[in-house]
Amino acid sequence: MSTTRYKIFVSSVQKELTEERHAVKEFIAHDPLLSRFISNVFLFEDIPAKDRKPDDIYLNEVERCDIYLAILGNHYGSKNENGKSPTELEFEYATKTLRERLVFVKGDDDKTREPEMAKLVNKAGRQVTRRRFSDTPGLIREVYASLIECLENRGDFRSSPFDDSICDGATLKDIDNGEVTAFVETAEAAGRLKLKGARTPKAVLQNFNLLRDGRPTNAAMLLFGKNPERFFNNAQVHCFHFHGTEKRKPIASQQPYAGRLLEVIDQAVEFVLGKIDRSVGTRATDVQAPVKFEIPRPAITEAVVNAVAHRNYRHNGFVQVFVFADRIEVWNPGELPPGLTPELLREPHGPIPCNPLIAEPLFRVKYVEKAGTGTTDMIADCREAGLPEPDFEQHGPHFVVTIWRDWLTEKVLAGYNLNDRQKEAVRYIKGAGRINNAIYRDLMGISERTSVRDLRQLADFGIFAKVGSTGQSAHYVIAKAKFVKDKSWENPS
């Protein structure tokens, strides 16, 4: 059987990290395992001096590589006419061309770095997991562990994925047959399952590839086990409620949820819904009065489901859900699949489930979709509700989704000296999602000078945030609550 061979591009500031770059290349070339899979490690020095040209030659090398490996230190490096160093240009191009990116940062104190490098370290950390090291041996250890994980994820070691592996110590007696039957009934009622043949719990598990050699897989136990926490102590969702906008004691309330994944998802969602504002409508169209939450329920559900379904179950951490006065945060132990970035989550993209055997049953009961529309639906739901768009970021070994609450309540707005036009602008932007100078002028029948002054004042207050600088594309959106100057609303009585 032939072995796939990969190329690695090493990016760093040349003068500062020469020793580290060469050490990485030498180690990979002589390591018995890595050298089987990695054919070439490209360094700046590999190009003869006479052939070294501006940035485009290195960007071409980035595009030819399979894995982009960045080593970041204290210095930013020389800048081009646009004020960017080759290292930052290479990182941006690796992101744009969907290279798999590994980032290693020397030292723990980001305050000692040049300001541009500190920003680049922070920028990389919002997209991929940054691994820290203090010396060359430490770098080698981190590079080795990262490349092994990378090769495992690519399937080069042919090891079984977590969800497809046999659950150690579990038998069919550990499966709750009633839960399997209930799942089938729910999936059929949702119109996403038409079983043919036997309908016994064992047959259903086999139909969804949840048995291996007659024994339950990890996915089977997480979905249908009688006591999943007996086998997976980390398969929990921990929920926290804080009155303010920071993780500070006293904690208003907290609750760990453990058990089967569908139950845990429902409990976590209900925890959040119980902490946010809601309004009750009339019974004009139904026997029950409709309830509308300040954050659309589907957006909250999507964030929790994604965290539970796509997390790295080999990681010992828990999924965590934080309810703050201004936002909801969902922390997921894991990273995005190679080729998928936080920016791409804002665009239409195909589904890339990290745990496909877990995701499939969730799809059948309408907890997830297969179209890759979950994050774009979240964005649309929040905009329709007059909320800022959610944030998607990588924080170390965790992927974090932030959903912003409707902090612009009547009570908050009363604390600002807004004129009637500005109050109307706030109401408009909550429905439309954005406003620009021309729209505001037409709505209010005012001069351009007055329009510019009103909108600029709303931005100065931290109520609006400007997107774009000039031209027709420039517009305003609702600012995120972290920019608000008056925070008396953080601790309601």
Protein backbone atom coordinates (compact mmCIF):
# COMPACT_ATOMS: atom_id res chain seq x y z
CA MET A 1 0.00 0.00 0.00
CA SER A 2 1.44 3.37 -0.99
CA THR A 3 1.95 6.04 1.66
CA THR A 4 0.79 9.62 1.13
CA ARG A 5 3.70 12.05 1.23
CA TYR A 6 3.21 15.62 2.41
CA LYS A 7 5.08 18.91 2.04
CA ILE A 8 5.51 21.35 4.91
CA PHE A 9 6.16 25.09 4.62
CA VAL A 10 7.93 26.59 7.65
CA SER A 11 7.21 30.29 8.20
CA SER A 12 9.03 32.52 10.69
CA VAL A 13 11.05 35.71 11.01
CA GLN A 14 14.32 34.68 9.38
CA LYS A 15 16.97 36.25 11.62
CA GLU A 16 15.29 35.56 14.95
CA LEU A 17 14.38 31.87 14.66
CA THR A 18 17.06 30.32 12.41
CA GLU A 19 18.04 27.66 14.95
CA GLU A 20 14.44 26.61 15.53
CA ARG A 21 13.62 26.32 11.81
CA HIS A 22 16.63 24.13 11.06
CA ALA A 23 15.99 21.99 14.14
CA VAL A 24 12.44 21.29 12.97
CA LYS A 25 13.57 20.32 9.50
CA GLU A 26 16.37 18.08 10.75
CA PHE A 27 14.10 16.35 13.23
CA ILE A 28 11.39 15.58 10.67
CA ALA A 29 13.92 14.36 8.11
CA HIS A 30 15.48 11.89 10.55
CA ASP A 31 12.48 10.79 12.58
CA PRO A 32 11.66 7.20 11.49
CA LEU A 33 7.89 7.75 11.62
CA LEU A 34 7.44 11.31 10.33
CA SER A 35 9.91 10.85 7.49
CA ARG A 36 7.65 8.13 6.07
CA PHE A 37 4.85 10.64 5.53
CA ILE A 38 6.64 13.97 4.99
CA SER A 39 8.69 14.29 1.83
CA ASN A 40 9.85 17.88 2.07
CA VAL A 41 10.19 20.68 4.62
CA PHE A 42 10.59 24.04 2.88
CA LEU A 43 12.71 26.78 4.49
CA PHE A 44 13.56 30.25 3.25
CA GLU A 45 17.17 29.13 2.94
CA ASP A 46 16.25 26.43 0.42
CA ILE A 47 16.06 29.01 -2.37
CA PRO A 48 19.43 30.19 -3.69
CA ALA A 49 20.18 33.81 -2.84
CA LYS A 50 20.23 34.83 -6.50
CA ASP A 51 16.69 33.49 -6.97
CA ARG A 52 15.19 35.11 -3.88
CA LYS A 53 12.57 37.57 -4.98
CA PRO A 54 9.73 39.44 -3.32
CA ASP A 55 6.86 37.87 -1.45
CA ASP A 56 5.18 36.11 -4.38
CA ILE A 57 7.76 33.30 -4.56
CA TYR A 58 7.08 32.35 -0.95
CA LEU A 59 3.33 32.55 -1.39
CA ASN A 60 3.67 30.13 -4.30
CA GLU A 61 5.52 27.76 -1.98
CA VAL A 62 2.74 28.11 0.60
CA GLU A 63 0.19 27.07 -2.03
CA ARG A 64 2.29 24.03 -2.99
CA CYS A 65 2.49 22.79 0.60
CA ASP A 66 0.06 20.52 2.42
CA ILE A 67 0.82 21.78 5.93
CA TYR A 68 1.74 25.34 6.90
CA LEU A 69 3.87 25.52 10.07
CA ALA A 70 4.47 28.93 11.67
CA ILE A 71 7.00 29.66 14.41
CA LEU A 72 6.29 33.05 16.01
CA GLY A 73 8.66 34.89 18.33
CA ASN A 74 9.11 38.49 19.48
CA HIS A 75 10.00 40.24 16.24
CA TYR A 76 7.57 41.05 13.43
CA GLY A 77 10.09 41.30 10.61
CA SER A 78 10.46 43.67 7.67
CA LYS A 79 7.30 45.22 6.21
CA ASN A 80 6.18 45.69 2.63
CA GLU A 81 4.57 48.83 1.25
CA ASN A 82 1.28 47.82 2.91
CA GLY A 83 2.91 47.45 6.32
CA LYS A 84 2.80 43.65 6.47
CA SER A 85 5.67 41.23 7.07
CA PRO A 86 6.31 38.08 4.97
CA THR A 87 5.28 35.96 7.98
CA GLU A 88 1.85 37.57 8.22
CA LEU A 89 1.36 37.46 4.45
CA GLU A 90 2.19 33.75 4.47
CA PHE A 91 -0.25 33.08 7.32
CA GLU A 92 -3.01 34.95 5.51
CA TYR A 93 -2.32 33.12 2.26
CA ALA A 94 -2.26 29.73 4.01
CA THR A 95 -5.67 30.64 5.44
CA LYS A 96 -7.02 31.80 2.09
CA THR A 97 -5.82 28.66 0.26
CA LEU A 98 -7.16 26.34 3.01
CA ARG A 99 -3.81 24.89 4.03
CA GLU A 100 -3.72 23.01 7.32
CA ARG A 101 -2.08 25.44 9.76
CA LEU A 102 0.06 24.67 12.81
CA VAL A 103 1.22 27.62 14.91
CA PHE A 104 3.94 27.54 17.58
CA VAL A 105 4.63 30.56 19.77
CA LYS A 106 7.91 31.09 21.63
CA GLY A 107 7.42 32.28 25.20
CA ASP A 108 4.39 32.97 27.36
CA ASP A 109 4.65 36.74 27.80
CA ASP A 110 3.00 38.44 24.82
CA LYS A 111 3.82 41.87 26.29
CA THR A 112 7.48 41.42 25.32
CA ARG A 113 6.64 41.09 21.63
CA GLU A 114 6.68 43.87 19.09
CA PRO A 115 3.11 45.23 18.80
CA GLU A 116 2.59 43.86 15.27
CA MET A 117 3.78 40.39 16.30
CA ALA A 118 1.54 40.43 19.39
CA LYS A 119 -1.39 41.20 17.09
CA LEU A 120 -0.41 38.36 14.74
CA VAL A 121 -0.15 35.91 17.67
CA ASN A 122 -3.62 36.99 18.80
CA LYS A 123 -4.97 36.80 15.25
CA ALA A 124 -3.66 33.25 14.80
CA GLY A 125 -5.06 32.25 18.17
CA ARG A 126 -8.59 33.17 17.09
CA GLN A 127 -8.36 30.71 14.19
CA VAL A 128 -6.16 27.78 15.24
CA THR A 129 -4.70 26.33 18.40
CA ARG A 130 -1.43 28.03 19.30
CA ARG A 131 1.10 25.78 21.02
CA ARG A 132 3.64 27.45 23.28
CA PHE A 133 7.29 26.48 23.72
CA SER A 134 10.24 27.92 25.63
CA ASP A 135 13.24 26.29 23.95
CA THR A 136 14.15 24.19 20.91
CA PRO A 137 13.59 20.78 22.58
CA GLY A 138 10.18 22.04 23.70
CA LEU A 139 9.38 23.14 20.15
CA ILE A 140 10.35 19.73 18.80
CA ARG A 141 8.04 18.01 21.27
CA GLU A 142 5.13 20.25 20.30
CA VAL A 143 5.79 19.86 16.56
CA TYR A 144 5.97 16.07 16.87
CA ALA A 145 2.69 15.85 18.83
CA SER A 146 0.94 18.20 16.39
CA LEU A 147 2.11 16.35 13.28
CA ILE A 148 1.13 12.98 14.74
CA GLU A 149 -2.35 14.36 15.47
CA CYS A 150 -2.47 15.84 11.98
CA LEU A 151 -1.58 12.50 10.36
CA GLU A 152 -4.11 10.68 12.54
CA ASN A 153 -6.84 13.11 11.48
CA ARG A 154 -5.92 12.55 7.84
CA GLY A 155 -6.28 8.80 8.34
CA ASP A 156 -2.66 7.98 7.57
CA PHE A 157 -2.29 5.76 10.63
CA ARG A 158 -5.53 3.92 9.83
CA SER A 159 -6.55 4.12 13.48
CA SER A 160 -10.28 4.01 14.18
CA PRO A 161 -11.98 7.36 14.81
CA PHE A 162 -13.27 7.89 18.33
CA ASP A 163 -16.95 7.47 17.52
CA ASP A 164 -16.28 4.31 15.47
CA SER A 165 -14.13 2.62 18.14
CA ILE A 166 -15.50 -0.12 20.40
CA CYS A 167 -16.44 1.27 23.82
CA ASP A 168 -14.02 -0.39 26.21
CA GLY A 169 -15.85 -2.58 28.73
CA ALA A 170 -19.34 -2.04 27.26
CA THR A 171 -21.75 -4.72 26.04
CA LEU A 172 -25.25 -4.66 24.56
CA LYS A 173 -26.58 -4.92 28.13
CA ASP A 174 -25.35 -1.36 28.65
CA ILE A 175 -27.65 -0.08 25.88
CA ASP A 176 -31.03 1.36 26.88
CA ASN A 177 -33.35 -0.42 24.44
CA GLY A 178 -36.21 1.94 25.26
CA GLU A 179 -34.11 4.91 24.12
CA VAL A 180 -33.34 3.19 20.82
CA THR A 181 -37.06 2.54 20.24
CA ALA A 182 -37.93 6.14 21.14
CA PHE A 183 -35.27 7.39 18.73
CA VAL A 184 -36.77 5.37 15.86
CA GLU A 185 -40.25 6.71 16.59
CA THR A 186 -39.01 10.30 16.73
CA ALA A 187 -36.98 9.97 13.53
CA GLU A 188 -39.90 8.43 11.66
CA ALA A 189 -42.24 11.16 12.90
CA ALA A 190 -39.72 13.73 11.65
CA GLY A 191 -39.82 12.10 8.21
CA ARG A 192 -36.12 11.28 8.20
CA LEU A 193 -36.17 7.52 8.75
CA LYS A 194 -37.83 4.64 6.94
CA LEU A 195 -36.59 1.40 8.43
CA LYS A 196 -36.68 -1.76 6.36
CA GLY A 197 -36.29 -5.14 7.95
CA ALA A 198 -35.89 -5.86 11.66
CA ARG A 199 -36.66 -3.08 14.15
CA THR A 200 -35.03 -4.58 17.21
CA PRO A 201 -32.59 -2.28 19.09
CA LYS A 202 -29.66 -4.39 17.96
CA ALA A 203 -30.77 -4.21 14.32
CA VAL A 204 -31.20 -0.42 14.59
CA LEU A 205 -27.69 -0.03 16.02
CA GLN A 206 -26.29 -2.17 13.21
CA ASN A 207 -28.22 -0.11 10.67
CA PHE A 208 -26.45 3.03 11.90
CA ASN A 209 -23.03 1.31 12.10
CA LEU A 210 -22.99 1.66 15.88
CA LEU A 211 -21.82 -1.91 16.56
CA ARG A 212 -18.38 -3.41 15.99
CA ASP A 213 -18.07 -7.19 16.29
CA GLY A 214 -21.39 -7.18 18.11
CA ARG A 215 -20.21 -4.66 20.70
CA PRO A 216 -21.33 -1.02 21.13
CA THR A 217 -19.13 1.72 19.77
CA ASN A 218 -18.38 4.92 21.66
CA ALA A 219 -21.05 6.66 19.58
CA ALA A 220 -23.63 4.02 20.56
CA MET A 221 -22.92 4.48 24.26
CA LEU A 222 -23.00 8.27 24.10
CA LEU A 223 -26.32 8.24 22.26
CA PHE A 224 -28.14 5.28 23.78
CA GLY A 225 -26.20 4.05 26.82
CA LYS A 226 -27.93 3.41 30.13
CA ASN A 227 -25.14 5.21 31.95
CA PRO A 228 -22.75 6.94 29.49
CA GLU A 229 -20.90 8.80 32.27
CA ARG A 230 -19.66 5.46 33.54
CA PHE A 231 -17.53 5.21 30.40
CA PHE A 232 -17.00 8.89 29.54
CA ASN A 233 -16.47 11.22 32.46
CA ASN A 234 -15.78 14.10 30.04
CA ALA A 235 -19.05 13.73 28.09
CA GLN A 236 -20.77 16.42 30.09
CA VAL A 237 -22.03 19.94 29.52
CA HIS A 238 -21.36 22.40 32.34
CA CYS A 239 -23.64 25.46 32.37
CA PHE A 240 -22.94 28.68 34.27
CA HIS A 241 -24.93 31.88 34.77
CA PHE A 242 -23.24 35.19 35.67
CA HIS A 243 -25.09 38.44 36.39
CA GLY A 244 -22.37 40.58 34.81
CA THR A 245 -20.18 40.31 31.72
CA GLU A 246 -17.18 38.53 33.26
CA LYS A 247 -16.47 35.19 34.91
CA ARG A 248 -16.51 36.47 38.47
CA LYS A 249 -17.81 35.05 41.71
CA PRO A 250 -20.39 34.77 43.03
CA ILE A 251 -21.77 32.57 40.27
CA ALA A 252 -25.53 33.14 40.02
CA SER A 253 -26.15 29.47 39.21
CA GLN A 254 -24.37 26.50 37.70
CA GLN A 255 -25.38 23.02 36.64
CA PRO A 256 -23.45 20.07 35.18
CA TYR A 257 -25.45 17.82 32.85
CA ALA A 258 -24.41 14.24 32.16
CA GLY A 259 -26.11 11.38 30.37
CA ARG A 260 -27.16 10.56 26.83
CA LEU A 261 -26.28 13.25 24.32
CA LEU A 262 -29.84 14.11 23.28
CA GLU A 263 -30.85 14.59 26.91
CA VAL A 264 -27.77 16.66 27.71
CA ILE A 265 -28.38 18.92 24.70
CA ASP A 266 -32.00 19.52 25.73
CA GLN A 267 -31.04 20.25 29.34
CA ALA A 268 -28.32 22.71 28.36
CA VAL A 269 -30.63 24.57 25.97
CA GLU A 270 -33.35 24.79 28.63
CA PHE A 271 -30.79 26.14 31.12
CA VAL A 272 -29.98 29.02 28.76
CA LEU A 273 -33.61 29.72 27.91
CA GLY A 274 -34.38 29.91 31.62
CA LYS A 275 -31.83 32.71 32.09
CA ILE A 276 -32.66 35.03 29.19
CA ASP A 277 -35.60 37.37 28.63
CA ARG A 278 -38.79 36.22 26.97
CA SER A 279 -42.08 37.75 25.89
CA VAL A 280 -45.47 36.04 25.71
CA GLY A 281 -47.83 36.83 22.85
CA THR A 282 -51.61 36.37 22.53
CA ARG A 283 -53.66 33.27 21.74
CA ALA A 284 -54.96 34.75 18.49
CA THR A 285 -53.57 31.95 16.34
CA ASP A 286 -53.15 29.05 18.76
CA VAL A 287 -54.58 27.66 21.98
CA GLN A 288 -51.23 28.32 23.62
CA ALA A 289 -49.76 31.81 23.82
CA PRO A 290 -46.53 31.97 21.78
CA VAL A 291 -43.29 32.61 23.66
CA LYS A 292 -40.53 34.65 22.04
CA PHE A 293 -37.03 34.61 23.52
CA GLU A 294 -34.60 37.52 23.17
CA ILE A 295 -32.20 35.11 21.42
CA PRO A 296 -33.87 32.78 18.89
CA ARG A 297 -34.09 29.29 20.31
CA PRO A 298 -32.72 27.68 17.10
CA ALA A 299 -29.51 29.72 17.41
CA ILE A 300 -28.93 28.55 20.98
CA THR A 301 -29.73 24.95 20.06
CA GLU A 302 -27.40 25.02 17.07
CA ALA A 303 -24.49 26.27 19.17
CA VAL A 304 -24.98 23.59 21.83
CA VAL A 305 -25.59 20.77 19.34
CA ASN A 306 -22.47 21.69 17.35
CA ALA A 307 -20.36 21.69 20.51
CA VAL A 308 -21.63 18.28 21.62
CA ALA A 309 -21.61 16.65 18.18
CA HIS A 310 -18.31 18.00 16.85
CA ARG A 311 -16.15 18.16 19.97
CA ASN A 312 -12.95 16.18 20.43
CA TYR A 313 -13.97 13.38 22.79
CA ARG A 314 -10.35 12.34 23.28
CA HIS A 315 -9.88 15.68 25.07
CA ASN A 316 -10.52 15.53 28.82
CA GLY A 317 -12.33 18.88 28.93
CA PHE A 318 -16.07 19.47 29.08
CA VAL A 319 -18.38 21.46 26.84
CA GLN A 320 -19.11 24.67 28.76
CA VAL A 321 -22.01 27.09 28.34
CA PHE A 322 -21.79 30.55 29.91
CA VAL A 323 -24.74 32.93 30.21
CA PHE A 324 -23.62 36.54 30.72
CA ALA A 325 -25.60 39.77 30.86
CA ASP A 326 -24.58 40.60 27.29
CA ARG A 327 -23.91 37.27 25.59
CA ILE A 328 -23.97 33.47 25.56
CA GLU A 329 -20.67 31.61 25.10
CA VAL A 330 -20.41 27.92 24.16
CA TRP A 331 -16.94 26.41 24.59
CA ASN A 332 -16.15 23.22 22.70
CA PRO A 333 -12.98 21.15 23.36
CA GLY A 334 -11.64 20.81 19.82
CA GLU A 335 -10.73 22.56 16.59
CA LEU A 336 -12.32 23.06 13.21
CA PRO A 337 -11.53 20.37 10.62
CA PRO A 338 -8.57 21.11 8.31
CA GLY A 339 -9.55 23.52 5.56
CA LEU A 340 -12.41 25.08 7.52
CA THR A 341 -11.83 28.47 9.16
CA PRO A 342 -14.00 30.70 11.38
CA GLU A 343 -14.38 33.04 8.41
CA LEU A 344 -15.69 30.24 6.17
CA LEU A 345 -18.37 29.44 8.75
CA ARG A 346 -19.99 32.72 7.73
CA GLU A 347 -20.34 31.50 4.16
CA PRO A 348 -22.14 28.50 2.60
CA HIS A 349 -19.98 25.42 3.13
CA GLY A 350 -20.30 21.68 3.02
CA PRO A 351 -20.76 19.59 6.19
CA ILE A 352 -17.55 18.18 7.72
CA PRO A 353 -18.66 16.28 10.86
CA CYS A 354 -15.88 15.46 13.32
CA ASN A 355 -17.91 12.53 14.67
CA PRO A 356 -20.04 11.32 11.74
CA LEU A 357 -21.53 8.35 13.59
CA ILE A 358 -22.80 10.71 16.27
CA ALA A 359 -23.96 13.32 13.76
CA GLU A 360 -26.06 10.88 11.67
CA PRO A 361 -28.61 9.98 14.40
CA LEU A 362 -28.78 13.66 15.38
CA PHE A 363 -29.69 14.46 11.78
CA ARG A 364 -32.46 11.85 11.78
CA VAL A 365 -34.20 13.56 14.73
CA LYS A 366 -33.66 17.05 13.24
CA TYR A 367 -31.02 18.22 15.69
CA VAL A 368 -28.56 18.92 12.86
CA GLU A 369 -28.65 19.32 9.10
CA LYS A 370 -26.34 17.84 6.48
CA ALA A 371 -26.21 20.93 4.31
CA GLY A 372 -23.58 22.80 6.30
CA THR A 373 -26.08 25.61 6.93
CA GLY A 374 -26.03 25.56 10.73
CA THR A 375 -23.74 28.54 11.29
CA THR A 376 -25.21 30.62 8.45
CA ASP A 377 -28.68 29.92 9.86
CA MET A 378 -27.46 31.13 13.26
CA ILE A 379 -26.25 34.36 11.68
CA ALA A 380 -29.54 34.87 9.82
CA ASP A 381 -31.63 34.11 12.93
CA CYS A 382 -29.68 36.61 15.05
CA ARG A 383 -29.86 39.33 12.41
CA GLU A 384 -33.60 38.78 12.02
CA ALA A 385 -33.96 39.17 15.79
CA GLY A 386 -32.08 42.49 15.68
CA LEU A 387 -28.97 41.05 17.35
CA PRO A 388 -25.29 41.34 16.37
CA GLU A 389 -23.96 38.43 14.35
CA PRO A 390 -22.43 35.58 16.39
CA ASP A 391 -18.66 35.28 16.76
CA PHE A 392 -16.72 32.09 15.90
CA GLU A 393 -13.20 31.92 17.34
CA GLN A 394 -10.49 29.49 18.40
CA HIS A 395 -9.29 30.01 21.98
CA GLY A 396 -6.37 27.67 22.60
CA PRO A 397 -7.71 24.10 22.55
CA HIS A 398 -11.33 25.29 22.54
CA PHE A 399 -13.60 26.46 19.74
CA VAL A 400 -15.92 29.18 21.01
CA VAL A 401 -19.25 30.43 19.69
CA THR A 402 -20.51 33.73 21.12
CA ILE A 403 -24.16 34.75 20.67
CA TRP A 404 -24.89 38.34 21.65
CA ARG A 405 -27.98 39.27 23.65
CA ASP A 406 -30.30 42.22 23.03
CA TRP A 407 -28.59 44.63 25.39
CA LEU A 408 -30.24 47.69 23.80
CA THR A 409 -33.33 47.54 26.01
CA GLU A 410 -35.52 50.55 26.72
CA LYS A 411 -33.90 50.83 30.14
CA VAL A 412 -30.42 50.96 28.64
CA LEU A 413 -31.39 53.46 25.93
CA ALA A 414 -32.97 55.69 28.55
CA GLY A 415 -29.51 56.18 29.99
CA TYR A 416 -28.35 57.93 26.81
CA ASN A 417 -29.41 61.39 25.71
CA LEU A 418 -30.75 60.26 22.33
CA ASN A 419 -33.02 62.35 20.18
CA ASP A 420 -36.16 60.88 18.60
CA ARG A 421 -34.40 60.35 15.26
CA GLN A 422 -31.65 58.30 16.89
CA LYS A 423 -34.17 56.19 18.82
CA GLU A 424 -35.92 55.45 15.53
CA ALA A 425 -32.55 54.50 13.98
CA VAL A 426 -32.05 51.94 16.76
CA ARG A 427 -35.49 50.46 16.13
CA TYR A 428 -34.79 50.33 12.40
CA ILE A 429 -31.43 48.61 12.70
CA LYS A 430 -32.86 45.96 15.02
CA GLY A 431 -35.16 44.91 12.22
CA ALA A 432 -32.98 45.50 9.17
CA GLY A 433 -29.61 44.54 10.62
CA ARG A 434 -27.82 47.62 9.27
CA ILE A 435 -28.28 51.24 8.31
CA ASN A 436 -26.29 53.72 6.24
CA ASN A 437 -26.22 57.46 5.80
CA ALA A 438 -28.53 57.49 2.76
CA ILE A 439 -31.20 55.30 4.37
CA TYR A 440 -31.14 57.37 7.55
CA ARG A 441 -31.50 60.62 5.59
CA ASP A 442 -34.48 59.25 3.66
CA LEU A 443 -36.18 57.89 6.80
CA MET A 444 -35.87 61.13 8.72
CA GLY A 445 -35.97 63.68 5.90
CA ILE A 446 -32.84 65.41 7.17
CA SER A 447 -29.67 66.86 5.67
CA GLU A 448 -26.52 64.85 5.14
CA ARG A 449 -24.73 66.90 7.78
CA THR A 450 -27.35 66.10 10.42
CA SER A 451 -27.37 62.43 9.38
CA VAL A 452 -23.60 62.14 9.71
CA ARG A 453 -23.66 63.81 13.12
CA ASP A 454 -26.46 61.59 14.49
CA LEU A 455 -24.91 58.34 13.31
CA ARG A 456 -21.42 59.31 14.44
CA GLN A 457 -22.77 60.11 17.91
CA LEU A 458 -24.46 56.70 18.11
CA ALA A 459 -21.11 55.11 17.25
CA ASP A 460 -19.31 57.26 19.85
CA PHE A 461 -21.79 56.07 22.48
CA GLY A 462 -20.96 52.47 21.57
CA ILE A 463 -24.51 51.74 20.40
CA PHE A 464 -23.58 51.43 16.72
CA ALA A 465 -20.38 50.15 15.13
CA LYS A 466 -19.24 51.41 11.73
CA VAL A 467 -18.35 48.90 9.01
CA GLY A 468 -16.23 50.20 6.14
CA SER A 469 -14.76 53.69 5.94
CA THR A 470 -16.16 55.47 2.89
CA GLY A 471 -18.35 54.90 -0.14
CA GLN A 472 -21.63 53.09 -0.61
CA SER A 473 -20.45 50.02 1.30
CA ALA A 474 -19.98 51.97 4.54
CA HIS A 475 -22.76 51.24 7.03
CA TYR A 476 -23.56 50.81 10.72
CA VAL A 477 -24.54 47.70 12.70
CA ILE A 478 -25.47 47.16 16.34
CA ALA A 479 -22.32 47.27 18.43
CA LYS A 480 -21.51 44.42 20.74
CA ALA A 481 -22.16 45.14 24.38
CA LYS A 482 -18.49 44.92 25.35
CA PHE A 483 -18.03 48.34 23.74
CA VAL A 484 -20.69 50.05 25.86
CA LYS A 485 -19.33 52.80 28.10
CA ASP A 486 -22.21 52.90 30.60
CA LYS A 487 -22.39 49.44 32.17
CA SER A 488 -24.79 50.13 35.00
CA TRP A 489 -27.15 47.66 33.34
CA GLU A 490 -24.74 44.77 33.96
CA ASN A 491 -26.01 44.06 37.47
CA PRO A 492 -29.78 44.42 37.46
CA SER A 493 -31.43 44.57 40.85
